[in-house]
């Protein structure tokens, strides 16, 4: 048996898997840094980063999901602005 094989566990295989995950984590870190730089550039150009992030979030949704969300948002906002029936009777 090779010295990388301990009780049936292939050390080389484990090392390979771990190194692949570590490599992906490094790529993710680099991509997140690049994303931060893009948002910093957008902010420097005068764009509202929160709005840009909201647009990105909305674009991830399918049209039906987005339409449902917008309808509920509109409904809730109108409900908040409408005079409460109980308050109207008390006045």
N, C-alpha and C. Protein backbone atom coordinates (compact mmCIF):
# COMPACT_ATOMS: atom_id res chain seq x y z
N UNK A 1 0.82 -1.18 0.00
CA UNK A 1 0.00 0.00 0.00
C UNK A 1 0.87 1.25 0.00
N UNK A 2 0.43 2.28 -0.73
CA UNK A 2 1.17 3.53 -0.76
C UNK A 2 1.01 4.24 0.57
N UNK A 3 1.99 5.06 0.92
CA UNK A 3 1.91 5.75 2.20
C UNK A 3 0.86 6.86 2.20
N UNK A 4 0.26 7.16 1.05
CA UNK A 4 -0.85 8.13 1.03
C UNK A 4 -2.18 7.44 1.28
N UNK A 5 -2.17 6.13 1.44
CA UNK A 5 -3.39 5.36 1.66
C UNK A 5 -3.42 4.91 3.11
N UNK A 6 -4.31 5.46 3.89
CA UNK A 6 -4.43 5.13 5.30
C UNK A 6 -5.80 4.52 5.54
N UNK A 7 -5.81 3.27 5.91
CA UNK A 7 -7.04 2.54 6.20
C UNK A 7 -8.05 2.72 5.06
N UNK A 8 -7.62 2.57 3.86
CA UNK A 8 -8.50 2.64 2.71
C UNK A 8 -8.84 4.05 2.24
N UNK A 9 -8.28 5.06 2.87
CA UNK A 9 -8.56 6.44 2.47
C UNK A 9 -7.40 6.94 1.63
N UNK A 10 -7.70 7.36 0.42
CA UNK A 10 -6.66 7.83 -0.49
C UNK A 10 -6.36 9.30 -0.21
N UNK A 11 -5.23 9.55 0.44
CA UNK A 11 -4.83 10.91 0.79
C UNK A 11 -4.68 11.81 -0.41
N UNK A 12 -4.17 11.26 -1.52
CA UNK A 12 -4.00 12.07 -2.72
C UNK A 12 -5.35 12.55 -3.25
N UNK A 13 -6.35 11.70 -3.16
CA UNK A 13 -7.69 12.08 -3.64
C UNK A 13 -8.27 13.19 -2.75
N UNK A 14 -8.12 13.04 -1.45
CA UNK A 14 -8.62 14.06 -0.52
C UNK A 14 -7.92 15.38 -0.78
N UNK A 15 -6.60 15.33 -0.92
CA UNK A 15 -5.82 16.54 -1.20
C UNK A 15 -6.30 17.21 -2.48
N UNK A 16 -6.55 16.41 -3.51
CA UNK A 16 -7.02 16.93 -4.79
C UNK A 16 -8.36 17.65 -4.65
N UNK A 17 -9.27 17.04 -3.92
CA UNK A 17 -10.58 17.65 -3.71
C UNK A 17 -10.46 18.97 -2.94
N UNK A 18 -9.68 18.93 -1.87
CA UNK A 18 -9.49 20.13 -1.05
C UNK A 18 -8.85 21.24 -1.87
N UNK A 19 -7.85 20.93 -2.65
CA UNK A 19 -7.17 21.94 -3.44
C UNK A 19 -8.10 22.53 -4.50
N UNK A 20 -8.98 21.71 -5.07
CA UNK A 20 -9.94 22.22 -6.04
C UNK A 20 -10.90 23.21 -5.39
N UNK A 21 -11.39 22.87 -4.20
CA UNK A 21 -12.29 23.78 -3.48
C UNK A 21 -11.55 25.07 -3.13
N UNK A 22 -10.32 24.96 -2.65
CA UNK A 22 -9.54 26.15 -2.30
C UNK A 22 -9.33 27.04 -3.52
N UNK A 23 -9.10 26.43 -4.68
CA UNK A 23 -8.91 27.18 -5.91
C UNK A 23 -10.19 27.94 -6.26
N UNK A 24 -11.33 27.28 -6.14
CA UNK A 24 -12.61 27.93 -6.42
C UNK A 24 -12.85 29.08 -5.44
N UNK A 25 -12.51 28.87 -4.16
CA UNK A 25 -12.66 29.94 -3.17
C UNK A 25 -11.81 31.15 -3.53
N UNK A 26 -10.61 30.93 -4.05
CA UNK A 26 -9.76 32.03 -4.49
C UNK A 26 -10.39 32.77 -5.68
N UNK A 27 -10.97 32.00 -6.61
CA UNK A 27 -11.64 32.61 -7.76
C UNK A 27 -12.83 33.45 -7.30
N UNK A 28 -13.62 32.93 -6.36
CA UNK A 28 -14.77 33.65 -5.84
C UNK A 28 -14.32 34.95 -5.18
N UNK A 29 -13.25 34.89 -4.42
CA UNK A 29 -12.72 36.09 -3.76
C UNK A 29 -12.31 37.13 -4.81
N UNK A 30 -11.65 36.68 -5.86
CA UNK A 30 -11.22 37.59 -6.93
C UNK A 30 -12.44 38.19 -7.64
N UNK A 31 -13.46 37.37 -7.88
CA UNK A 31 -14.67 37.87 -8.55
C UNK A 31 -15.41 38.86 -7.67
N UNK A 32 -15.47 38.60 -6.38
CA UNK A 32 -16.13 39.54 -5.46
C UNK A 32 -15.38 40.87 -5.42
N UNK A 33 -14.07 40.82 -5.47
CA UNK A 33 -13.27 42.05 -5.51
C UNK A 33 -13.57 42.83 -6.80
N UNK A 34 -13.66 42.10 -7.91
CA UNK A 34 -13.96 42.74 -9.19
C UNK A 34 -15.35 43.38 -9.15
N UNK A 35 -16.30 42.71 -8.51
CA UNK A 35 -17.66 43.25 -8.39
C UNK A 35 -17.64 44.53 -7.56
N UNK A 36 -16.88 44.52 -6.46
CA UNK A 36 -16.76 45.73 -5.63
C UNK A 36 -16.18 46.88 -6.43
N UNK A 37 -15.19 46.59 -7.27
CA UNK A 37 -14.57 47.63 -8.09
C UNK A 37 -15.57 48.20 -9.10
N UNK A 38 -16.42 47.35 -9.66
CA UNK A 38 -17.43 47.82 -10.61
C UNK A 38 -18.42 48.74 -9.91
N UNK A 39 -18.87 48.35 -8.71
CA UNK A 39 -19.79 49.20 -7.97
C UNK A 39 -19.13 50.51 -7.56
N UNK A 40 -17.86 50.48 -7.22
CA UNK A 40 -17.13 51.71 -6.88
C UNK A 40 -17.04 52.61 -8.11
N UNK A 41 -16.81 52.03 -9.27
CA UNK A 41 -16.76 52.78 -10.51
C UNK A 41 -18.13 53.42 -10.80
N UNK A 42 -19.19 52.64 -10.60
CA UNK A 42 -20.54 53.15 -10.84
C UNK A 42 -20.84 54.31 -9.89
N UNK A 43 -20.45 54.16 -8.63
CA UNK A 43 -20.67 55.22 -7.65
C UNK A 43 -19.88 56.47 -8.05
N UNK A 44 -18.66 56.27 -8.52
CA UNK A 44 -17.85 57.39 -8.98
C UNK A 44 -18.46 58.10 -10.18
N UNK A 45 -19.24 57.37 -10.97
CA UNK A 45 -19.92 57.95 -12.13
C UNK A 45 -21.25 58.59 -11.74
N UNK A 46 -21.58 58.53 -10.43
CA UNK A 46 -22.79 59.18 -9.96
C UNK A 46 -24.02 58.28 -9.89
N UNK A 47 -23.86 56.98 -10.12
CA UNK A 47 -24.99 56.08 -10.05
C UNK A 47 -25.24 55.64 -8.60
N UNK A 48 -26.50 55.40 -8.28
CA UNK A 48 -26.89 54.92 -6.96
C UNK A 48 -26.70 53.40 -6.94
N UNK A 49 -25.74 52.94 -6.16
CA UNK A 49 -25.36 51.52 -6.13
C UNK A 49 -26.51 50.66 -5.61
N UNK A 50 -27.27 51.16 -4.63
CA UNK A 50 -28.40 50.40 -4.11
C UNK A 50 -29.42 50.11 -5.21
N UNK A 51 -29.66 51.10 -6.05
CA UNK A 51 -30.60 50.92 -7.15
C UNK A 51 -30.06 49.92 -8.16
N UNK A 52 -28.79 50.00 -8.46
CA UNK A 52 -28.18 49.04 -9.39
C UNK A 52 -28.30 47.62 -8.86
N UNK A 53 -28.05 47.45 -7.56
CA UNK A 53 -28.17 46.12 -6.95
C UNK A 53 -29.61 45.62 -6.99
N UNK A 54 -30.56 46.54 -6.81
CA UNK A 54 -31.97 46.18 -6.89
C UNK A 54 -32.33 45.72 -8.31
N UNK A 55 -31.80 46.41 -9.31
CA UNK A 55 -32.04 46.02 -10.70
C UNK A 55 -31.49 44.63 -10.95
N UNK A 56 -30.30 44.36 -10.45
CA UNK A 56 -29.69 43.04 -10.62
C UNK A 56 -30.56 41.97 -9.97
N UNK A 57 -31.06 42.27 -8.75
CA UNK A 57 -31.92 41.31 -8.05
C UNK A 57 -33.20 41.06 -8.84
N UNK A 58 -33.80 42.12 -9.38
CA UNK A 58 -35.02 41.98 -10.15
C UNK A 58 -34.80 41.19 -11.44
N UNK A 59 -33.67 41.41 -12.08
CA UNK A 59 -33.39 40.70 -13.34
C UNK A 59 -33.21 39.20 -13.13
N UNK A 60 -32.90 38.80 -11.91
CA UNK A 60 -32.75 37.38 -11.60
C UNK A 60 -34.11 36.69 -11.50
N UNK A 61 -35.16 37.47 -11.24
CA UNK A 61 -36.50 36.91 -11.12
C UNK A 61 -37.11 36.73 -12.50
N UNK A 62 -38.01 35.74 -12.62
CA UNK A 62 -38.72 35.65 -13.89
C UNK A 62 -39.82 36.71 -13.90
N UNK A 63 -40.38 36.98 -15.07
CA UNK A 63 -41.33 38.07 -15.22
C UNK A 63 -42.55 37.91 -14.32
N UNK A 64 -43.11 36.73 -14.22
CA UNK A 64 -44.29 36.51 -13.39
C UNK A 64 -44.00 36.79 -11.92
N UNK A 65 -42.85 36.32 -11.46
CA UNK A 65 -42.45 36.55 -10.07
C UNK A 65 -42.26 38.04 -9.81
N UNK A 66 -41.64 38.73 -10.76
CA UNK A 66 -41.41 40.17 -10.62
C UNK A 66 -42.73 40.93 -10.63
N UNK A 67 -43.64 40.55 -11.54
CA UNK A 67 -44.94 41.20 -11.60
C UNK A 67 -45.73 40.99 -10.31
N UNK A 68 -45.70 39.79 -9.77
CA UNK A 68 -46.40 39.51 -8.52
C UNK A 68 -45.83 40.35 -7.38
N UNK A 69 -44.51 40.44 -7.31
CA UNK A 69 -43.86 41.23 -6.27
C UNK A 69 -44.26 42.70 -6.39
N UNK A 70 -44.24 43.24 -7.60
CA UNK A 70 -44.59 44.64 -7.80
C UNK A 70 -46.05 44.90 -7.46
N UNK A 71 -46.93 43.96 -7.79
CA UNK A 71 -48.35 44.11 -7.46
C UNK A 71 -48.57 44.12 -5.95
N UNK A 72 -47.91 43.21 -5.26
CA UNK A 72 -48.04 43.17 -3.80
C UNK A 72 -47.46 44.42 -3.16
N UNK A 73 -46.35 44.87 -3.66
CA UNK A 73 -45.74 46.09 -3.13
C UNK A 73 -46.69 47.27 -3.30
N UNK A 74 -47.26 47.39 -4.49
CA UNK A 74 -48.20 48.48 -4.74
C UNK A 74 -49.42 48.37 -3.84
N UNK A 75 -49.96 47.17 -3.70
CA UNK A 75 -51.12 46.94 -2.84
C UNK A 75 -50.83 47.33 -1.39
N UNK A 76 -49.70 46.89 -0.87
CA UNK A 76 -49.33 47.19 0.51
C UNK A 76 -49.13 48.69 0.72
N UNK A 77 -48.49 49.35 -0.23
CA UNK A 77 -48.27 50.79 -0.10
C UNK A 77 -49.60 51.55 -0.11
N UNK A 78 -50.51 51.15 -1.00
CA UNK A 78 -51.82 51.81 -1.04
C UNK A 78 -52.59 51.56 0.25
N UNK A 79 -52.48 50.34 0.80
CA UNK A 79 -53.17 50.02 2.05
C UNK A 79 -52.64 50.88 3.19
N UNK A 80 -51.35 51.11 3.21
CA UNK A 80 -50.76 51.94 4.26
C UNK A 80 -51.21 53.39 4.14
N UNK A 81 -51.40 53.87 2.92
CA UNK A 81 -51.76 55.27 2.69
C UNK A 81 -53.25 55.52 2.87
N UNK A 82 -54.07 54.48 2.72
CA UNK A 82 -55.52 54.64 2.83
C UNK A 82 -55.89 54.88 4.29
N UNK A 83 -56.89 55.71 4.51
CA UNK A 83 -57.33 55.93 5.89
C UNK A 83 -57.88 54.63 6.47
N UNK A 84 -57.49 54.35 7.68
CA UNK A 84 -57.94 53.14 8.37
C UNK A 84 -59.41 53.30 8.72
N UNK A 85 -60.23 52.31 8.41
CA UNK A 85 -61.66 52.39 8.67
C UNK A 85 -61.95 52.64 10.14
N UNK A 86 -61.21 52.01 11.04
CA UNK A 86 -61.43 52.19 12.47
C UNK A 86 -61.10 53.61 12.91
N UNK A 87 -60.04 54.17 12.36
CA UNK A 87 -59.67 55.55 12.70
C UNK A 87 -60.68 56.53 12.16
N UNK A 88 -61.20 56.25 10.98
CA UNK A 88 -62.17 57.14 10.35
C UNK A 88 -63.45 57.20 11.18
N UNK A 89 -63.88 56.06 11.74
CA UNK A 89 -65.10 56.03 12.55
C UNK A 89 -64.89 56.76 13.88
N UNK A 90 -63.69 56.68 14.44
CA UNK A 90 -63.40 57.30 15.73
C UNK A 90 -63.34 58.82 15.63
N UNK A 91 -63.03 59.30 14.47
CA UNK A 91 -62.85 60.75 14.30
C UNK A 91 -64.13 61.51 14.18
